Amino acid sequence: MGSTSMILLVCHLVAAAHMANQFAFYCAIAEAFGWNVILGVVDTGWVIHYVGLLLFLVGSIFYHWIACREEAYGGFRYQQTNLIAILITVIFCLVSSASLIIGDSDWQLRACAVSLEFSMLGAFTLQNLVLLNSLDQFKNIHLVFHRNSSLL
């Protein structure tokens, strides 16, 4: 899962390099960092896991919010998918928080949080597929470096 997330990070960074809002670049980095913290729950413990989860969710939501409004990647379907992902994420956060506050006494609440987690991951995956499909529509993608003449 770590290797896959790094490939996805590269795709996000390539797309972010061509976006008008460069904040997307930092969101992609936050998303990747948070995801790798989530994967390390065995070594870091649950508190760090939740911090990584929050970083991943915020980075992903903001990244796709920016990307779905870009002319090259966005579109109505991408914006709809983004809003669905945000809605599922908010509901997941509320149910998960309630589950943590109440504790293990309410297993149905915990099961609902896990189900929402899978739904949220599915919505995030769908957003990434829409973005990657948009990237695939280009014949060539080039990063162009220009020297800042005022620094020379």
Protein backbone atom coordinates (compact mmCIF):
# COMPACT_ATOMS: atom_id res chain seq x y z
CA MET A 1 0.00 0.00 0.00
CA GLY A 2 2.93 2.32 0.58
CA SER A 3 4.22 1.84 -2.97
CA THR A 4 0.80 2.45 -4.44
CA SER A 5 0.40 5.63 -2.42
CA MET A 6 3.74 6.91 -3.69
CA ILE A 7 2.69 6.30 -7.32
CA LEU A 8 -0.54 8.15 -6.58
CA LEU A 9 1.49 10.97 -5.00
CA VAL A 10 3.51 11.33 -8.20
CA CYS A 11 0.28 11.57 -10.22
CA HIS A 12 -1.09 14.16 -7.80
CA LEU A 13 2.12 16.19 -7.96
CA VAL A 14 2.18 16.13 -11.77
CA ALA A 15 -1.43 17.32 -11.85
CA ALA A 16 -0.73 19.93 -9.15
CA ALA A 17 2.21 21.30 -11.12
CA HIS A 18 -0.25 22.36 -13.82
CA MET A 19 -2.90 23.83 -11.52
CA ALA A 20 -3.48 27.52 -11.01
CA ASN A 21 -3.77 27.03 -7.24
CA GLN A 22 -0.38 25.78 -6.03
CA PHE A 23 -1.81 24.97 -2.59
CA ALA A 24 -2.79 21.63 -4.18
CA PHE A 25 0.89 20.64 -4.12
CA TYR A 26 1.03 20.99 -0.32
CA CYS A 27 -2.27 19.16 0.05
CA ALA A 28 -0.88 16.22 -1.95
CA ILE A 29 2.20 16.09 0.31
CA ALA A 30 0.02 16.22 3.45
CA GLU A 31 -2.24 13.51 2.05
CA ALA A 32 0.70 11.18 1.30
CA PHE A 33 2.37 11.82 4.64
CA GLY A 34 -0.90 11.20 6.50
CA TRP A 35 -1.55 7.99 4.57
CA ASN A 36 1.87 6.59 5.43
CA VAL A 37 1.33 7.45 9.11
CA ILE A 38 -2.00 5.61 8.95
CA LEU A 39 -0.25 2.55 7.54
CA GLY A 40 2.20 2.55 10.46
CA VAL A 41 -0.46 2.17 13.19
CA VAL A 42 1.20 -0.95 14.59
CA ASP A 43 4.42 0.97 15.24
CA THR A 44 2.98 4.35 16.22
CA GLY A 45 -0.17 3.59 18.20
CA TRP A 46 -3.72 4.85 17.83
CA VAL A 47 -3.21 8.49 18.81
CA ILE A 48 -0.65 9.05 16.04
CA HIS A 49 -2.89 7.00 13.74
CA TYR A 50 -5.76 9.46 14.27
CA VAL A 51 -3.47 12.44 13.70
CA GLY A 52 -2.31 10.82 10.43
CA LEU A 53 -5.93 10.11 9.50
CA LEU A 54 -6.87 13.74 10.05
CA LEU A 55 -3.91 14.90 7.95
CA PHE A 56 -4.84 12.44 5.18
CA LEU A 57 -8.51 13.46 5.17
CA VAL A 58 -7.85 17.20 5.16
CA GLY A 59 -5.13 16.90 2.50
CA SER A 60 -7.27 14.69 0.27
CA ILE A 61 -10.41 16.78 0.58
CA PHE A 62 -8.62 20.04 -0.17
CA TYR A 63 -6.58 18.52 -3.00
CA HIS A 64 -9.62 17.16 -4.80
CA TRP A 65 -11.63 20.32 -4.04
CA ILE A 66 -8.97 22.30 -5.91
CA ALA A 67 -8.48 19.73 -8.70
CA CYS A 68 -12.16 19.27 -9.52
CA ARG A 69 -12.46 23.00 -10.19
CA GLU A 70 -9.49 23.11 -12.57
CA GLU A 71 -10.33 23.39 -16.25
CA ALA A 72 -7.98 20.56 -17.27
CA TYR A 73 -9.12 18.02 -14.66
CA GLY A 74 -12.45 19.18 -13.35
CA GLY A 75 -15.93 18.73 -14.53
CA PHE A 76 -19.41 18.21 -13.23
CA ARG A 77 -18.93 14.50 -12.40
CA TYR A 78 -15.67 15.16 -10.57
CA GLN A 79 -17.34 17.93 -8.55
CA GLN A 80 -20.25 15.63 -7.69
CA THR A 81 -17.86 12.88 -6.63
CA ASN A 82 -15.95 15.41 -4.53
CA LEU A 83 -19.11 16.55 -2.73
CA ILE A 84 -20.14 12.95 -2.05
CA ALA A 85 -16.67 12.21 -0.65
CA ILE A 86 -16.87 15.27 1.60
CA LEU A 87 -20.33 14.28 2.85
CA ILE A 88 -19.24 10.70 3.61
CA THR A 89 -16.09 12.02 5.32
CA VAL A 90 -18.05 14.39 7.57
CA ILE A 91 -20.48 11.61 8.55
CA PHE A 92 -17.55 9.23 9.13
CA CYS A 93 -15.81 11.76 11.39
CA LEU A 94 -19.00 12.32 13.41
CA VAL A 95 -19.75 8.61 13.83
CA SER A 96 -16.11 7.75 14.59
CA SER A 97 -15.87 10.52 17.16
CA ALA A 98 -19.07 9.34 18.82
CA SER A 99 -17.75 5.79 18.79
CA LEU A 100 -14.51 6.87 20.47
CA ILE A 101 -16.35 8.94 23.09
CA ILE A 102 -18.86 6.21 23.93
CA GLY A 103 -16.25 3.46 23.82
CA ASP A 104 -16.54 -0.20 22.96
CA SER A 105 -19.90 -0.58 24.68
CA ASP A 106 -21.76 0.26 21.47
CA TRP A 107 -20.47 -2.17 18.84
CA GLN A 108 -23.13 -1.13 16.32
CA LEU A 109 -21.77 2.42 16.28
CA ARG A 110 -18.26 1.08 15.74
CA ALA A 111 -19.51 -1.17 12.91
CA CYS A 112 -21.22 1.83 11.30
CA ALA A 113 -17.95 3.81 11.51
CA VAL A 114 -16.05 0.99 9.82
CA SER A 115 -18.67 0.76 7.07
CA LEU A 116 -18.44 4.50 6.50
CA GLU A 117 -14.65 4.20 6.38
CA PHE A 118 -14.91 1.76 3.50
CA SER A 119 -17.45 3.99 1.75
CA MET A 120 -15.16 6.99 2.22
CA LEU A 121 -12.18 5.10 0.83
CA GLY A 122 -14.32 4.10 -2.16
CA ALA A 123 -15.28 7.74 -2.77
CA PHE A 124 -11.62 8.82 -2.53
CA THR A 125 -10.64 6.06 -4.94
CA LEU A 126 -13.32 7.21 -7.39
CA GLN A 127 -11.99 10.78 -7.20
CA ASN A 128 -8.48 9.52 -7.95
CA LEU A 129 -9.77 7.50 -10.90
CA VAL A 130 -11.48 10.59 -12.32
CA LEU A 131 -8.26 12.60 -11.89
CA LEU A 132 -6.12 9.88 -13.46
CA ASN A 133 -8.57 9.56 -16.33
CA SER A 134 -8.18 13.30 -16.91
CA LEU A 135 -4.40 12.95 -16.90
CA ASP A 136 -4.69 10.07 -19.35
CA GLN A 137 -6.52 12.31 -21.85
CA PHE A 138 -3.34 14.30 -22.53
CA LYS A 139 -1.08 13.09 -25.33
CA ASN A 140 2.01 14.52 -23.62
CA ILE A 141 2.62 15.90 -20.16
CA HIS A 142 5.74 17.98 -19.68
CA LEU A 143 7.10 19.84 -16.72
CA VAL A 144 8.74 23.02 -17.93
CA PHE A 145 11.34 24.79 -15.81
CA HIS A 146 11.87 28.52 -16.28
CA ARG A 147 14.70 30.40 -14.62
CA ASN A 148 13.71 33.36 -12.55
CA SER A 149 15.81 36.06 -14.19
CA SER A 150 15.45 38.40 -11.22
CA LEU A 151 17.47 36.01 -9.06
CA LEU A 152 20.45 35.89 -11.43
